[in-house]
PDB file of all heavy atoms in Angstrom:
ATOM      1  N   SER A   1      87.300  92.228 102.510  1.00  0.00           N
ATOM      2  CA  SER A   1      87.437  92.273 103.987  1.00  0.00           C
ATOM      3  C   SER A   1      87.342  93.752 104.377  1.00  0.00           C
ATOM      4  O   SER A   1      87.570  94.597 103.620  1.00  0.00           O
ATOM      5  CB  SER A   1      88.717  91.686 104.399  1.00  0.00           C
ATOM      6  OG  SER A   1      89.816  92.506 104.088  1.00  0.00           O
ATOM      7  N   ALA A   2      86.943  93.969 105.695  1.00  0.00           N
ATOM      8  CA  ALA A   2      86.824  95.283 106.267  1.00  0.00           C
ATOM      9  C   ALA A   2      87.439  95.286 107.705  1.00  0.00           C
ATOM     10  O   ALA A   2      87.178  94.313 108.409  1.00  0.00           O
ATOM     11  CB  ALA A   2      85.408  95.704 106.316  1.00  0.00           C
ATOM     12  N   GLY A   3      88.253  96.135 108.041  1.00  0.00           N
ATOM     13  CA  GLY A   3      88.831  96.273 109.404  1.00  0.00           C
ATOM     14  C   GLY A   3      90.413  96.176 109.326  1.00  0.00           C
ATOM     15  O   GLY A   3      91.005  96.496 108.176  1.00  0.00           O
ATOM     16  N   ARG A   4      90.998  95.848 110.410  1.00  0.00           N
ATOM     17  CA  ARG A   4      92.381  95.720 110.433  1.00  0.00           C
ATOM     18  C   ARG A   4      92.828  94.244 110.154  1.00  0.00           C
ATOM     19  O   ARG A   4      92.336  93.336 110.769  1.00  0.00           O
ATOM     20  CB  ARG A   4      92.993  96.094 111.787  1.00  0.00           C
ATOM     21  CG  ARG A   4      93.151  97.553 112.006  1.00  0.00           C
ATOM     22  CD  ARG A   4      93.974  97.685 113.450  1.00  0.00           C
ATOM     23  NE  ARG A   4      94.309  99.067 113.493  1.00  0.00           N
ATOM     24  CZ  ARG A   4      94.512  99.691 114.770  1.00  0.00           C
ATOM     25  NH1 ARG A   4      94.356  98.968 115.858  1.00  0.00           N
ATOM     26  NH2 ARG A   4      94.739 101.015 114.789  1.00  0.00           N
ATOM     27  N   LYS A   5      93.791  94.072 109.196  1.00  0.00           N
ATOM     28  CA  LYS A   5      94.306  92.706 108.920  1.00  0.00           C
ATOM     29  C   LYS A   5      95.740  92.808 108.522  1.00  0.00           C
ATOM     30  O   LYS A   5      96.076  93.634 107.723  1.00  0.00           O
ATOM     31  CB  LYS A   5      93.441  92.093 107.748  1.00  0.00           C
ATOM     32  CG  LYS A   5      93.729  90.571 107.552  1.00  0.00           C
ATOM     33  CD  LYS A   5      92.768  89.962 106.569  1.00  0.00           C
ATOM     34  CE  LYS A   5      93.106  88.439 106.541  1.00  0.00           C
ATOM     35  NZ  LYS A   5      92.168  87.825 105.598  1.00  0.00           N
ATOM     36  N   LYS A   6      96.475  91.892 109.031  1.00  0.00           N
ATOM     37  CA  LYS A   6      97.941  91.836 108.651  1.00  0.00           C
ATOM     38  C   LYS A   6      98.152  91.435 107.234  1.00  0.00           C
ATOM     39  O   LYS A   6      97.620  90.400 106.759  1.00  0.00           O
ATOM     40  CB  LYS A   6      98.756  90.893 109.549  1.00  0.00           C
ATOM     41  CG  LYS A   6      98.673  91.334 110.971  1.00  0.00           C
ATOM     42  CD  LYS A   6      99.485  90.274 111.858  1.00  0.00           C
ATOM     43  CE  LYS A   6      99.460  90.726 113.312  1.00  0.00           C
ATOM     44  NZ  LYS A   6     100.167  89.611 114.195  1.00  0.00           N
ATOM     45  N   ARG A   7      98.744  92.333 106.451  1.00  0.00           N
ATOM     46  CA  ARG A   7      99.076  92.006 105.010  1.00  0.00           C
ATOM     47  C   ARG A   7     100.468  92.308 104.704  1.00  0.00           C
ATOM     48  O   ARG A   7     101.029  93.240 105.308  1.00  0.00           O
ATOM     49  CB  ARG A   7      98.078  92.680 104.102  1.00  0.00           C
ATOM     50  CG  ARG A   7      96.632  92.465 104.343  1.00  0.00           C
ATOM     51  CD  ARG A   7      95.715  93.022 103.358  1.00  0.00           C
ATOM     52  NE  ARG A   7      94.334  92.879 103.751  1.00  0.00           N
ATOM     53  CZ  ARG A   7      93.578  91.858 103.455  1.00  0.00           C
ATOM     54  NH1 ARG A   7      94.108  90.816 102.868  1.00  0.00           N
ATOM     55  NH2 ARG A   7      92.330  91.903 103.719  1.00  0.00           N
ATOM     56  N   TRP A   8     101.012  91.670 103.660  1.00  0.00           N
ATOM     57  CA  TRP A   8     102.225  92.172 103.053  1.00  0.00           C
ATOM     58  C   TRP A   8     102.072  92.337 101.613  1.00  0.00           C
ATOM     59  O   TRP A   8     101.370  91.725 100.947  1.00  0.00           O
ATOM     60  CB  TRP A   8     103.311  91.016 103.269  1.00  0.00           C
ATOM     61  CG  TRP A   8     103.740  90.718 104.726  1.00  0.00           C
ATOM     62  CD1 TRP A   8     104.729  91.098 105.388  1.00  0.00           C
ATOM     63  CD2 TRP A   8     102.945  89.780 105.526  1.00  0.00           C
ATOM     64  NE1 TRP A   8     104.696  90.614 106.689  1.00  0.00           N
ATOM     65  CE2 TRP A   8     103.610  89.809 106.816  1.00  0.00           C
ATOM     66  CE3 TRP A   8     101.812  89.004 105.482  1.00  0.00           C
ATOM     67  CZ2 TRP A   8     103.125  89.010 107.891  1.00  0.00           C
ATOM     68  CZ3 TRP A   8     101.346  88.253 106.500  1.00  0.00           C
ATOM     69  CH2 TRP A   8     102.048  88.270 107.773  1.00  0.00           C
ATOM     70  N   LEU A   9     102.742  93.446 101.165  1.00  0.00           N
ATOM     71  CA  LEU A   9     102.680  93.743  99.752  1.00  0.00           C
ATOM     72  C   LEU A   9     104.086  94.042  99.161  1.00  0.00           C
ATOM     73  O   LEU A   9     104.872  94.564  99.878  1.00  0.00           O
ATOM     74  CB  LEU A   9     101.820  95.194  99.628  1.00  0.00           C
ATOM     75  CG  LEU A   9     100.337  95.202  99.797  1.00  0.00           C
ATOM     76  CD1 LEU A   9      99.870  96.566  99.792  1.00  0.00           C
ATOM     77  CD2 LEU A   9      99.775  94.303  98.731  1.00  0.00           C
ATOM     78  N   GLY A  10     104.226  93.458  97.941  1.00  0.00           N
ATOM     79  CA  GLY A  10     105.546  93.649  97.297  1.00  0.00           C
ATOM     80  C   GLY A  10     106.373  92.298  97.215  1.00  0.00           C
ATOM     81  O   GLY A  10     106.122  91.482  97.919  1.00  0.00           O
ATOM     82  N   LEU A  11     107.205  92.389  96.344  1.00  0.00           N
ATOM     83  CA  LEU A  11     108.141  91.179  96.119  1.00  0.00           C
ATOM     84  C   LEU A  11     109.258  91.404  96.974  1.00  0.00           C
ATOM     85  O   LEU A  11     110.394  91.913  96.654  1.00  0.00           O
ATOM     86  CB  LEU A  11     108.543  91.039  94.701  1.00  0.00           C
ATOM     87  CG  LEU A  11     107.531  90.876  93.698  1.00  0.00           C
ATOM     88  CD1 LEU A  11     108.083  90.812  92.267  1.00  0.00           C
ATOM     89  CD2 LEU A  11     106.610  89.663  94.013  1.00  0.00           C
ATOM     90  N   ALA A  12     109.195  90.943  98.374  1.00  0.00           N
ATOM     91  CA  ALA A  12     110.274  91.060  99.287  1.00  0.00           C
ATOM     92  C   ALA A  12     110.073  90.032 100.441  1.00  0.00           C
ATOM     93  O   ALA A  12     108.862  89.770 100.688  1.00  0.00           O
ATOM     94  CB  ALA A  12     110.380  92.619  99.870  1.00  0.00           C
ATOM     95  N   ASP A  13     111.085  89.617 101.106  1.00  0.00           N
ATOM     96  CA  ASP A  13     110.904  88.695 102.079  1.00  0.00           C
ATOM     97  C   ASP A  13     110.336  89.259 103.342  1.00  0.00           C
ATOM     98  O   ASP A  13     110.842  90.313 103.830  1.00  0.00           O
ATOM     99  CB  ASP A  13     112.378  88.165 102.468  1.00  0.00           C
ATOM    100  CG  ASP A  13     112.381  86.880 103.333  1.00  0.00           C
ATOM    101  OD1 ASP A  13     111.846  86.930 104.518  1.00  0.00           O
ATOM    102  OD2 ASP A  13     112.624  85.848 102.832  1.00  0.00           O
ATOM    103  N   SER A  14     109.260  88.751 103.889  1.00  0.00           N
ATOM    104  CA  SER A  14     108.548  89.283 104.840  1.00  0.00           C
ATOM    105  C   SER A  14     108.944  88.575 106.178  1.00  0.00           C
ATOM    106  O   SER A  14     108.339  88.938 107.309  1.00  0.00           O
ATOM    107  CB  SER A  14     107.025  89.155 104.644  1.00  0.00           C
ATOM    108  OG  SER A  14     106.699  87.697 104.527  1.00  0.00           O
ATOM    109  N   THR A  15     109.804  87.625 106.203  1.00  0.00           N
ATOM    110  CA  THR A  15     110.139  86.954 107.487  1.00  0.00           C
ATOM    111  C   THR A  15     111.563  87.179 107.873  1.00  0.00           C
ATOM    112  O   THR A  15     111.854  87.631 109.085  1.00  0.00           O
ATOM    113  CB  THR A  15     110.000  85.448 107.343  1.00  0.00           C
ATOM    114  OG1 THR A  15     110.790  84.970 106.211  1.00  0.00           O
ATOM    115  CG2 THR A  15     108.459  85.113 107.094  1.00  0.00           C
ATOM    116  N   MET A  16     112.567  87.016 107.002  1.00  0.00           N
ATOM    117  CA  MET A  16     114.002  87.213 107.401  1.00  0.00           C
ATOM    118  C   MET A  16     114.588  88.573 106.947  1.00  0.00           C
ATOM    119  O   MET A  16     115.701  88.910 107.290  1.00  0.00           O
ATOM    120  CB  MET A  16     114.731  86.020 106.705  1.00  0.00           C
ATOM    121  CG  MET A  16     114.459  84.681 107.342  1.00  0.00           C
ATOM    122  SD  MET A  16     115.813  83.595 106.830  1.00  0.00           S
ATOM    123  CE  MET A  16     115.798  83.651 105.031  1.00  0.00           C
ATOM    124  N   GLY A  17     113.818  89.228 106.061  1.00  0.00           N
ATOM    125  CA  GLY A  17     114.408  90.475 105.499  1.00  0.00           C
ATOM    126  C   GLY A  17     114.009  91.737 106.107  1.00  0.00           C
ATOM    127  O   GLY A  17     113.306  91.797 107.159  1.00  0.00           O
ATOM    128  N   LEU A  18     114.372  92.849 105.411  1.00  0.00           N
ATOM    129  CA  LEU A  18     113.921  94.182 105.781  1.00  0.00           C
ATOM    130  C   LEU A  18     112.556  94.507 105.661  1.00  0.00           C
ATOM    131  O   LEU A  18     111.915  95.426 106.188  1.00  0.00           O
ATOM    132  CB  LEU A  18     114.783  95.286 105.169  1.00  0.00           C
ATOM    133  CG  LEU A  18     116.396  95.208 105.444  1.00  0.00           C
ATOM    134  CD1 LEU A  18     117.084  96.145 104.559  1.00  0.00           C
ATOM    135  CD2 LEU A  18     116.665  95.456 106.970  1.00  0.00           C
ATOM    136  N   GLY A  19     111.852  93.747 104.759  1.00  0.00           N
ATOM    137  CA  GLY A  19     110.443  94.031 104.342  1.00  0.00           C
ATOM    138  C   GLY A  19     110.437  94.942 103.178  1.00  0.00           C
ATOM    139  O   GLY A  19     111.371  95.538 102.632  1.00  0.00           O
ATOM    140  N   SER A  20     109.204  94.992 102.596  1.00  0.00           N
ATOM    141  CA  SER A  20     108.983  95.866 101.347  1.00  0.00           C
ATOM    142  C   SER A  20     109.248  97.290 101.778  1.00  0.00           C
ATOM    143  O   SER A  20     109.085  97.748 102.758  1.00  0.00           O
ATOM    144  CB  SER A  20     107.658  95.703 100.895  1.00  0.00           C
ATOM    145  OG  SER A  20     107.399  94.376 100.177  1.00  0.00           O
ATOM    146  N   TYR A  21     109.684  98.011 100.720  1.00  0.00           N
ATOM    147  CA  TYR A  21     109.985  99.344 100.827  1.00  0.00           C
ATOM    148  C   TYR A  21     108.786 100.338 101.390  1.00  0.00           C
ATOM    149  O   TYR A  21     109.055 101.127 102.255  1.00  0.00           O
ATOM    150  CB  TYR A  21     110.448 100.003  99.513  1.00  0.00           C
ATOM    151  CG  TYR A  21     110.522 101.484  99.428  1.00  0.00           C
ATOM    152  CD1 TYR A  21     111.464 102.245 100.218  1.00  0.00           C
ATOM    153  CD2 TYR A  21     109.644 102.223  98.583  1.00  0.00           C
ATOM    154  CE1 TYR A  21     111.475 103.652 100.125  1.00  0.00           C
ATOM    155  CE2 TYR A  21     109.816 103.580  98.553  1.00  0.00           C
ATOM    156  CZ  TYR A  21     110.600 104.281  99.355  1.00  0.00           C
ATOM    157  OH  TYR A  21     110.735 105.744  99.358  1.00  0.00           O
ATOM    158  N   THR A  22     107.684 100.088 100.866  1.00  0.00           N
ATOM    159  CA  THR A  22     106.478 100.939 101.243  1.00  0.00           C
ATOM    160  C   THR A  22     105.644 100.194 102.271  1.00  0.00           C
ATOM    161  O   THR A  22     104.814 101.007 102.959  1.00  0.00           O
ATOM    162  CB  THR A  22     105.726 101.445 100.055  1.00  0.00           C
ATOM    163  OG1 THR A  22     105.141 100.216  99.469  1.00  0.00           O
ATOM    164  CG2 THR A  22     106.479 102.213  99.109  1.00  0.00           C
ATOM    165  N   TRP A  23     105.750  98.967 102.432  1.00  0.00           N
ATOM    166  CA  TRP A  23     104.724  98.165 103.329  1.00  0.00           C
ATOM    167  C   TRP A  23     105.321  96.964 103.927  1.00  0.00           C
ATOM    168  O   TRP A  23     105.239  95.948 103.386  1.00  0.00           O
ATOM    169  CB  TRP A  23     103.526  97.767 102.373  1.00  0.00           C
ATOM    170  CG  TRP A  23     102.185  97.455 103.112  1.00  0.00           C
ATOM    171  CD1 TRP A  23     101.766  96.330 103.477  1.00  0.00           C
ATOM    172  CD2 TRP A  23     101.261  98.502 103.519  1.00  0.00           C
ATOM    173  NE1 TRP A  23     100.556  96.488 104.174  1.00  0.00           N
ATOM    174  CE2 TRP A  23     100.153  97.785 104.134  1.00  0.00           C
ATOM    175  CE3 TRP A  23     101.137  99.831 103.437  1.00  0.00           C
ATOM    176  CZ2 TRP A  23      99.036  98.401 104.728  1.00  0.00           C
ATOM    177  CZ3 TRP A  23     100.052 100.535 103.879  1.00  0.00           C
ATOM    178  CH2 TRP A  23      98.859  99.838 104.520  1.00  0.00           C
ATOM    179  N   SER A  24     105.973  97.211 105.036  1.00  0.00           N
ATOM    180  CA  SER A  24     106.895  96.167 105.588  1.00  0.00           C
ATOM    181  C   SER A  24     106.284  95.394 106.646  1.00  0.00           C
ATOM    182  O   SER A  24     106.906  94.468 107.203  1.00  0.00           O
ATOM    183  CB  SER A  24     108.081  96.829 105.996  1.00  0.00           C
ATOM    184  OG  SER A  24     107.905  97.680 107.040  1.00  0.00           O
ATOM    185  N   GLY A  25     105.160  95.778 107.271  1.00  0.00           N
ATOM    186  CA  GLY A  25     104.807  95.174 108.529  1.00  0.00           C
ATOM    187  C   GLY A  25     105.350  95.810 109.778  1.00  0.00           C
ATOM    188  O   GLY A  25     105.310  95.241 110.786  1.00  0.00           O
ATOM    189  N   ASN A  26     105.788  96.995 109.588  1.00  0.00           N
ATOM    190  CA  ASN A  26     106.489  97.710 110.667  1.00  0.00           C
ATOM    191  C   ASN A  26     105.522  98.451 111.584  1.00  0.00           C
ATOM    192  O   ASN A  26     105.904  98.907 112.709  1.00  0.00           O
ATOM    193  CB  ASN A  26     107.544  98.687 110.171  1.00  0.00           C
ATOM    194  CG  ASN A  26     108.534  99.196 111.191  1.00  0.00           C
ATOM    195  OD1 ASN A  26     109.132  98.373 111.943  1.00  0.00           O
ATOM    196  ND2 ASN A  26     108.591 100.599 111.354  1.00  0.00           N
ATOM    197  N   ALA A  27     104.340  98.790 111.076  1.00  0.00           N
ATOM    198  CA  ALA A  27     103.351  99.559 111.828  1.00  0.00           C
ATOM    199  C   ALA A  27     102.096  98.757 111.997  1.00  0.00           C
ATOM    200  O   ALA A  27     101.773  97.739 111.262  1.00  0.00           O
ATOM    201  CB  ALA A  27     103.072 100.834 111.122  1.00  0.00           C
ATOM    202  N   LEU A  28     101.226  99.176 112.995  1.00  0.00           N
ATOM    203  CA  LEU A  28      99.933  98.471 113.077  1.00  0.00           C
ATOM    204  C   LEU A  28      99.214  98.512 111.757  1.00  0.00           C
ATOM    205  O   LEU A  28      99.361  99.576 110.985  1.00  0.00           O
ATOM    206  CB  LEU A  28      99.081  99.310 114.110  1.00  0.00           C
ATOM    207  CG  LEU A  28      99.272  98.965 115.558  1.00  0.00           C
ATOM    208  CD1 LEU A  28      98.490 100.010 116.370  1.00  0.00           C
ATOM    209  CD2 LEU A  28      98.616  97.676 115.931  1.00  0.00           C
ATOM    210  N   PRO A  29      98.422  97.493 111.388  1.00  0.00           N
ATOM    211  CA  PRO A  29      97.706  97.536 110.181  1.00  0.00           C
ATOM    212  C   PRO A  29      96.643  98.629 110.117  1.00  0.00           C
ATOM    213  O   PRO A  29      96.116  99.015 111.170  1.00  0.00           O
ATOM    214  CB  PRO A  29      96.962  96.168 110.059  1.00  0.00           C
ATOM    215  CG  PRO A  29      97.835  95.311 111.046  1.00  0.00           C
ATOM    216  CD  PRO A  29      98.370  96.166 112.055  1.00  0.00           C
ATOM    217  N   ILE A  30      96.566  99.321 108.984  1.00  0.00           N
ATOM    218  CA  ILE A  30      95.616 100.503 108.888  1.00  0.00           C
ATOM    219  C   ILE A  30      94.245  99.904 108.622  1.00  0.00           C
ATOM    220  O   ILE A  30      94.040  99.077 107.698  1.00  0.00           O
ATOM    221  CB  ILE A  30      96.099 101.402 107.779  1.00  0.00           C
ATOM    222  CG1 ILE A  30      97.581 101.966 108.150  1.00  0.00           C
ATOM    223  CG2 ILE A  30      95.093 102.536 107.586  1.00  0.00           C
ATOM    224  CD1 ILE A  30      98.187 102.815 107.112  1.00  0.00           C
ATOM    225  N   PRO A  31      93.150 100.464 109.356  1.00  0.00           N
ATOM    226  CA  PRO A  31      91.849  99.985 108.989  1.00  0.00           C
ATOM    227  C   PRO A  31      91.454 100.266 107.594  1.00  0.00           C
ATOM    228  O   PRO A  31      91.781 101.446 107.121  1.00  0.00           O
ATOM    229  CB  PRO A  31      91.022 100.675 110.033  1.00  0.00           C
ATOM    230  CG  PRO A  31      92.003 101.070 111.068  1.00  0.00           C
ATOM    231  CD  PRO A  31      93.232 101.277 110.406  1.00  0.00           C
ATOM    232  N   ALA A  32      90.877  99.310 106.806  1.00  0.00           N
ATOM    233  CA  ALA A  32      90.643  99.502 105.454  1.00  0.00           C
ATOM    234  C   ALA A  32      89.604  98.601 104.880  1.00  0.00           C
ATOM    235  O   ALA A  32      89.355  97.507 105.564  1.00  0.00           O
ATOM    236  CB  ALA A  32      91.867  99.346 104.687  1.00  0.00           C
ATOM    237  N   VAL A  33      88.968  98.891 103.826  1.00  0.00           N
ATOM    238  CA  VAL A  33      88.102  98.030 103.084  1.00  0.00           C
ATOM    239  C   VAL A  33      89.019  97.548 101.909  1.00  0.00           C
ATOM    240  O   VAL A  33      89.479  98.288 101.198  1.00  0.00           O
ATOM    241  CB  VAL A  33      86.829  98.719 102.573  1.00  0.00           C
ATOM    242  CG1 VAL A  33      86.053  97.803 101.755  1.00  0.00           C
ATOM    243  CG2 VAL A  33      85.974  99.249 103.702  1.00  0.00           C
ATOM    244  N   TYR A  34      89.151  96.272 101.910  1.00  0.00           N
ATOM    245  CA  TYR A  34      90.079  95.605 100.952  1.00  0.00           C
ATOM    246  C   TYR A  34      89.391  94.583  99.923  1.00  0.00           C
ATOM    247  O   TYR A  34      88.566  93.761 100.434  1.00  0.00           O
ATOM    248  CB  TYR A  34      91.152  94.881 101.803  1.00  0.00           C
ATOM    249  CG  TYR A  34      92.060  93.974 100.897  1.00  0.00           C
ATOM    250  CD1 TYR A  34      93.303  94.410 100.616  1.00  0.00           C
ATOM    251  CD2 TYR A  34      91.709  92.732 100.642  1.00  0.00           C
ATOM    252  CE1 TYR A  34      94.188  93.592  99.890  1.00  0.00           C
ATOM    253  CE2 TYR A  34      92.516  91.826 100.012  1.00  0.00           C
ATOM    254  CZ  TYR A  34      93.722  92.260  99.556  1.00  0.00           C
ATOM    255  OH  TYR A  34      94.748  91.442  98.904  1.00  0.00           O
ATOM    256  N   PHE A  35      89.831  94.597  98.691  1.00  0.00           N
ATOM    257  CA  PHE A  35      89.329  93.622  97.711  1.00  0.00           C
ATOM    258  C   PHE A  35      90.464  93.224  96.968  1.00  0.00           C
ATOM    259  O   PHE A  35      91.269  93.981  96.401  1.00  0.00           O
ATOM    260  CB  PHE A  35      88.251  94.192  96.799  1.00  0.00           C
ATOM    261  CG  PHE A  35      87.754  93.274  95.702  1.00  0.00           C
ATOM    262  CD1 PHE A  35      86.999  92.141  96.118  1.00  0.00           C
ATOM    263  CD2 PHE A  35      88.075  93.398  94.493  1.00  0.00           C
ATOM    264  CE1 PHE A  35      86.585  91.281  95.209  1.00  0.00           C
ATOM    265  CE2 PHE A  35      87.669  92.514  93.526  1.00  0.00           C
ATOM    266  CZ  PHE A  35      86.871  91.385  93.835  1.00  0.00           C
ATOM    267  N   GLY A  36      90.665  91.888  96.813  1.00  0.00           N
ATOM    268  CA  GLY A  36      91.791  91.368  96.078  1.00  0.00           C
ATOM    269  C   GLY A  36      91.812  89.906  96.030  1.00  0.00           C
ATOM    270  O   GLY A  36      91.015  89.116  96.458  1.00  0.00           O
ATOM    271  N   THR A  37      92.964  89.313  95.485  1.00  0.00           N
ATOM    272  CA  THR A  37      93.103  87.901  95.280  1.00  0.00           C
ATOM    273  C   THR A  37      93.893  87.443  96.565  1.00  0.00           C
ATOM    274  O   THR A  37      94.681  88.101  97.299  1.00  0.00           O
ATOM    275  CB  THR A  37      93.961  87.683  94.045  1.00  0.00           C
ATOM    276  OG1 THR A  37      95.285  88.267  94.134  1.00  0.00           O
ATOM    277  CG2 THR A  37      93.282  88.142  92.826  1.00  0.00           C
ATOM    278  N   ASN A  38      93.901  86.039  96.694  1.00  0.00           N
ATOM    279  CA  ASN A  38      94.534  85.408  97.893  1.00  0.00           C
ATOM    280  C   ASN A  38      95.704  84.511  97.236  1.00  0.00           C
ATOM    281  O   ASN A  38      96.409  83.860  97.963  1.00  0.00           O
ATOM    282  CB  ASN A  38      93.609  84.475  98.635  1.00  0.00           C
ATOM    283  CG  ASN A  38      92.858  85.234  99.639  1.00  0.00           C
ATOM    284  OD1 ASN A  38      93.508  85.985 100.413  1.00  0.00           O
ATOM    285  ND2 ASN A  38      91.498  85.045  99.567  1.00  0.00           N
TER     286      ASN A  38
END
């Protein structure tokens, strides 16, 4: 994919918790070219 897309990284709760240490969904998604698994 290319562009801005909401993603969560890390083993942490993304709905009820504080979110992952480095990538929590606290900021606007950063525009990127992404390749990975679903």
